[in-house]
Amino acid sequence: MATALVSADAHAAVPADAVPDAPAPFSVTFDAQGLTVRAIAVGGVAAGERVALNCHECLGQTSVEAVATGPRHVFRPKLRLSAASRLELTVHGRNFARTRAYVVRGGRLRLDARHCVSVADNRRVRCNSITAPRPWATMNVCTPTAVGVRAASPAGGARRDRVAARFRLQYAEGARWVDVPNGTSPWTVLGRADRSWQGGYTFRFSGIDGRTFRGLADFEWRRGTRVVRRVVRLTSPRRVPGFSSSVCAP
């Protein structure tokens, strides 16, 4: 049984809610001699953020990922580059990721592009948009018999559009997140897109001790029968008074 309301992978050293929703702009410095890269330092990161290196058309350790434990993370991949190489550094927050891509020009690595991605729905977004008011979701109920997700959409849309939301649950199974059977709510229309709204859904169980859950909120902006925009958000902490977390482990 589930009820609806409309109104409005953790690492030992880093609490689950310590990971920022979106990473800040970061810096990259190289220790290189010619086309051999001995070390890469990524600065301006937060503890708990995932930092990833990927090098295309390279020799050496071409793909590696780590969890930052402080404001600076150093890779020592011993890469051998070529004129066709492309090196990408990505920092992952809870809902967004930033990437800096480098290519070889004049025998040196040069910044080629910056871009940002929405993690939950794996699509590019404008980097300046991830610091603007945006939809969010949070776990706001966490007991052995009930797990609740609450979400909000900002104002600023077209008056003629309507915002709808549905809520989903996943549980941790090792390093993976797995959909909870029957853990998807019906769609609920929150209201006009030119106003801000909150909505929520509570999933009820007979007993769920020992599980760790996270939530997702799917948003749709609808114009009549046509969907004009879709967004997905993973749950994040400190969104509402009282209990407000990225995960629930009753």
Protein backbone atom coordinates (compact mmCIF):
# COMPACT_ATOMS: atom_id res chain seq x y z
CA MET A 1 0.00 0.00 0.00
CA ALA A 2 1.27 3.51 -0.78
CA THR A 3 -0.06 6.99 -0.11
CA ALA A 4 0.45 10.21 -2.03
CA LEU A 5 0.70 13.80 -0.86
CA VAL A 6 0.65 16.94 -2.99
CA SER A 7 1.40 20.38 -1.53
CA ALA A 8 3.97 21.52 -2.05
CA ASP A 9 27.20 4.24 -2.28
CA ALA A 10 28.70 5.43 0.67
CA HIS A 11 32.42 5.12 1.55
CA ALA A 12 33.53 4.62 5.14
CA ALA A 13 35.29 7.97 5.50
CA VAL A 14 32.61 10.08 3.80
CA PRO A 15 28.96 10.21 4.99
CA ALA A 16 26.43 9.55 2.22
CA ASP A 17 25.02 13.07 2.50
CA ALA A 18 28.42 14.75 2.21
CA VAL A 19 28.49 14.54 -1.58
CA PRO A 20 27.41 17.86 -3.15
CA ASP A 21 24.47 17.94 -5.53
CA ALA A 22 26.65 19.50 -8.24
CA PRO A 23 30.46 19.78 -8.36
CA ALA A 24 32.05 23.21 -8.40
CA PRO A 25 34.30 24.24 -11.31
CA PHE A 26 37.64 22.48 -10.83
CA SER A 27 41.23 22.92 -11.95
CA VAL A 28 43.59 20.46 -13.67
CA THR A 29 47.39 20.53 -13.74
CA PHE A 30 49.73 18.10 -15.49
CA ASP A 31 53.17 16.75 -14.67
CA ALA A 32 54.28 15.93 -18.21
CA GLN A 33 57.43 15.60 -20.25
CA GLY A 34 56.65 15.89 -23.93
CA LEU A 35 53.79 13.48 -24.66
CA THR A 36 54.36 11.43 -21.49
CA VAL A 37 52.04 12.34 -18.59
CA ARG A 38 53.30 11.17 -15.21
CA ALA A 39 50.68 12.76 -12.93
CA ILE A 40 47.44 14.72 -13.15
CA ALA A 41 46.20 16.83 -10.22
CA VAL A 42 42.51 17.75 -9.99
CA GLY A 43 41.88 20.66 -7.60
CA GLY A 44 38.74 22.21 -6.15
CA VAL A 45 36.90 18.93 -5.51
CA ALA A 46 34.92 17.92 -2.41
CA ALA A 47 35.37 14.83 -0.29
CA GLY A 48 33.08 12.07 -1.51
CA GLU A 49 32.91 13.26 -5.12
CA ARG A 50 33.95 10.70 -7.73
CA VAL A 51 36.82 11.79 -9.97
CA ALA A 52 37.31 9.96 -13.27
CA LEU A 53 40.06 9.97 -15.88
CA ASN A 54 39.53 8.66 -19.42
CA CYS A 55 42.10 8.89 -22.20
CA HIS A 56 41.23 7.96 -25.78
CA GLU A 57 43.95 6.98 -28.25
CA CYS A 58 46.47 6.73 -25.41
CA LEU A 59 48.80 4.10 -23.96
CA GLY A 60 49.01 3.35 -20.24
CA GLN A 61 46.30 3.49 -17.58
CA THR A 62 43.63 4.97 -19.81
CA SER A 63 40.59 4.71 -17.54
CA VAL A 64 40.56 5.10 -13.77
CA GLU A 65 38.12 6.37 -11.16
CA ALA A 66 38.54 7.27 -7.50
CA VAL A 67 36.66 8.94 -4.65
CA ALA A 68 38.13 12.23 -3.50
CA THR A 69 39.05 12.43 0.19
CA GLY A 70 39.99 16.10 0.16
CA PRO A 71 40.15 19.21 -2.05
CA ARG A 72 42.82 17.76 -4.35
CA HIS A 73 43.11 14.38 -6.04
CA VAL A 74 46.16 13.15 -7.95
CA PHE A 75 46.22 10.45 -10.64
CA ARG A 76 49.55 8.84 -11.62
CA PRO A 77 48.58 7.05 -14.85
CA LYS A 78 51.91 7.18 -16.77
CA LEU A 79 50.17 7.96 -20.04
CA ARG A 80 51.77 8.07 -23.46
CA LEU A 81 49.86 10.41 -25.75
CA SER A 82 49.70 10.84 -29.51
CA ALA A 83 48.47 13.61 -31.80
CA ALA A 84 45.04 11.90 -31.81
CA SER A 85 44.71 11.61 -28.02
CA ARG A 86 41.79 13.08 -26.07
CA LEU A 87 41.99 13.22 -22.28
CA GLU A 88 38.87 13.81 -20.16
CA LEU A 89 38.66 14.56 -16.42
CA THR A 90 35.19 14.32 -14.86
CA VAL A 91 34.01 15.14 -11.34
CA HIS A 92 30.68 13.56 -10.31
CA GLY A 93 28.35 15.13 -7.75
CA ARG A 94 25.09 13.56 -6.67
CA ASN A 95 22.94 14.86 -9.53
CA PHE A 96 25.41 16.53 -11.91
CA ALA A 97 28.90 16.00 -13.31
CA ARG A 98 31.46 18.38 -14.84
CA THR A 99 34.02 17.41 -17.50
CA ARG A 100 37.15 19.12 -18.82
CA ALA A 101 38.45 17.65 -22.08
CA TYR A 102 41.98 18.13 -23.44
CA VAL A 103 43.55 17.44 -26.82
CA VAL A 104 47.14 17.55 -28.09
CA ARG A 105 48.08 20.72 -29.98
CA GLY A 106 51.63 21.75 -30.73
CA GLY A 107 52.94 18.82 -28.74
CA ARG A 108 51.10 19.90 -25.54
CA LEU A 109 47.76 19.24 -23.87
CA ARG A 110 45.31 22.09 -24.46
CA LEU A 111 41.82 22.57 -23.03
CA ASP A 112 39.34 21.68 -25.75
CA ALA A 113 35.91 21.70 -24.11
CA ARG A 114 33.95 21.91 -20.88
CA HIS A 115 30.54 20.35 -20.43
CA CYS A 116 28.12 19.25 -17.72
CA VAL A 117 25.81 16.24 -17.47
CA SER A 118 22.69 15.39 -15.49
CA VAL A 119 23.63 12.10 -13.80
CA ALA A 120 20.21 10.52 -13.33
CA ASP A 121 19.07 10.88 -16.93
CA ASN A 122 22.55 10.96 -18.55
CA ARG A 123 22.13 14.02 -20.74
CA ARG A 124 24.11 17.21 -21.21
CA VAL A 125 22.95 20.39 -19.53
CA ARG A 126 24.24 23.96 -19.56
CA CYS A 127 26.88 24.32 -16.84
CA ASN A 128 25.47 27.64 -15.63
CA SER A 129 22.08 25.96 -15.14
CA ILE A 130 23.30 23.61 -12.41
CA THR A 131 23.71 26.51 -9.97
CA ALA A 132 20.29 28.00 -10.79
CA PRO A 133 17.02 27.08 -9.00
CA ARG A 134 16.12 23.60 -10.22
CA PRO A 135 13.98 20.60 -9.33
CA TRP A 136 15.08 18.53 -6.36
CA ALA A 137 14.12 15.36 -4.50
CA THR A 138 14.83 14.14 -0.97
CA MET A 139 14.06 11.20 1.33
CA ASN A 140 11.77 12.65 4.01
CA VAL A 141 10.31 9.49 5.62
CA CYS A 142 12.46 6.59 6.80
CA THR A 143 11.04 3.92 9.12
CA PRO A 144 11.00 0.09 9.08
CA THR A 145 7.53 0.21 7.49
CA ALA A 146 7.53 3.38 5.38
CA VAL A 147 9.92 5.17 2.99
CA GLY A 148 8.94 8.57 1.64
CA VAL A 149 10.24 10.76 -1.19
CA ARG A 150 9.48 14.46 -1.52
CA ALA A 151 10.29 16.65 -4.51
CA ALA A 152 9.91 20.22 -5.72
CA SER A 153 9.80 22.01 -9.06
CA PRO A 154 10.75 25.70 -9.35
CA ALA A 155 8.69 28.48 -10.86
CA GLY A 156 9.67 30.05 -14.16
CA GLY A 157 7.88 27.83 -16.67
CA ALA A 158 5.12 28.78 -19.09
CA ARG A 159 1.72 29.52 -17.54
CA ARG A 160 0.00 27.21 -20.05
CA ASP A 161 2.18 24.21 -19.05
CA ARG A 162 1.54 21.82 -16.17
CA VAL A 163 4.18 20.05 -14.06
CA ALA A 164 3.70 16.37 -13.21
CA ALA A 165 5.85 14.12 -11.04
CA ARG A 166 6.21 10.48 -10.10
CA PHE A 167 8.47 8.84 -7.55
CA ARG A 168 10.64 5.72 -7.67
CA LEU A 169 12.60 3.69 -5.12
CA GLN A 170 15.86 1.77 -5.54
CA TYR A 171 17.80 -0.33 -3.04
CA ALA A 172 21.53 -0.96 -2.79
CA GLU A 173 22.78 -4.38 -3.82
CA GLY A 174 26.56 -4.34 -3.54
CA ALA A 175 27.82 -1.53 -5.76
CA ARG A 176 24.57 -1.42 -7.80
CA TRP A 177 21.22 0.27 -7.31
CA VAL A 178 18.24 -1.95 -8.15
CA ASP A 179 14.63 -0.90 -8.75
CA VAL A 180 12.27 -1.91 -5.94
CA PRO A 181 9.48 -4.17 -7.26
CA ASN A 182 6.25 -2.12 -7.36
CA GLY A 183 8.35 0.83 -6.22
CA THR A 184 7.00 3.37 -8.73
CA SER A 185 4.20 5.78 -7.88
CA PRO A 186 1.48 6.95 -10.26
CA TRP A 187 2.00 10.30 -12.02
CA THR A 188 0.62 13.26 -10.09
CA VAL A 189 -0.02 16.70 -11.64
CA LEU A 190 1.47 19.26 -9.27
CA GLY A 191 0.21 22.44 -10.92
CA ARG A 192 1.00 25.27 -13.35
CA ALA A 193 4.63 25.53 -14.45
CA ASP A 194 4.86 29.26 -13.69
CA ARG A 195 4.61 28.51 -9.95
CA SER A 196 6.77 26.42 -7.60
CA TRP A 197 5.32 23.18 -6.21
CA GLN A 198 6.16 20.35 -3.86
CA GLY A 199 4.80 16.81 -3.94
CA GLY A 200 5.55 13.54 -2.22
CA TYR A 201 4.85 9.84 -2.05
CA THR A 202 5.19 7.31 0.79
CA PHE A 203 5.86 3.64 0.05
CA ARG A 204 4.70 1.25 2.80
CA PHE A 205 6.20 -2.15 3.59
CA SER A 206 5.73 -4.96 6.11
CA GLY A 207 9.41 -4.76 7.17
CA ILE A 208 12.58 -3.57 5.46
CA ASP A 209 15.36 -3.80 8.05
CA GLY A 210 18.84 -4.09 6.57
CA ARG A 211 18.11 -2.35 3.27
CA THR A 212 19.44 0.99 2.06
CA PHE A 213 17.16 2.94 -0.26
CA ARG A 214 17.43 5.99 -2.47
CA GLY A 215 14.70 7.77 -4.38
CA LEU A 216 14.26 9.28 -7.81
CA ALA A 217 11.74 11.85 -8.95
CA ASP A 218 10.67 12.03 -12.59
CA PHE A 219 9.31 15.42 -13.68
CA GLU A 220 7.36 16.21 -16.85
CA TRP A 221 6.30 19.61 -18.15
CA ARG A 222 3.13 19.04 -20.17
CA ARG A 223 1.41 21.24 -22.73
CA GLY A 224 -1.93 19.60 -23.32
CA THR A 225 -1.16 15.99 -24.24
CA ARG A 226 2.44 16.78 -25.30
CA VAL A 227 5.46 16.50 -22.97
CA VAL A 228 7.74 19.50 -23.62
CA ARG A 229 10.43 18.74 -21.02
CA ARG A 230 11.59 15.83 -18.86
CA VAL A 231 13.95 15.84 -15.86
CA VAL A 232 15.05 13.15 -13.39
CA ARG A 233 16.50 13.90 -9.94
CA LEU A 234 18.13 11.59 -7.40
CA THR A 235 17.39 12.29 -3.76
CA SER A 236 19.72 14.73 -1.99
CA PRO A 237 19.95 15.97 1.61
CA ARG A 238 18.95 19.08 3.54
CA ARG A 239 15.97 20.06 1.41
CA VAL A 240 13.15 20.22 3.99
CA PRO A 241 12.92 20.65 7.79
CA GLY A 242 13.24 17.47 9.82
CA PHE A 243 14.56 14.29 8.23
CA SER A 244 15.89 15.06 4.74
CA SER A 245 18.50 12.70 3.31
CA SER A 246 19.85 11.25 0.11
CA VAL A 247 19.34 7.70 1.40
CA CYS A 248 17.16 5.81 3.87
CA ALA A 249 18.56 2.91 5.92
CA PRO A 250 15.90 2.12 8.54
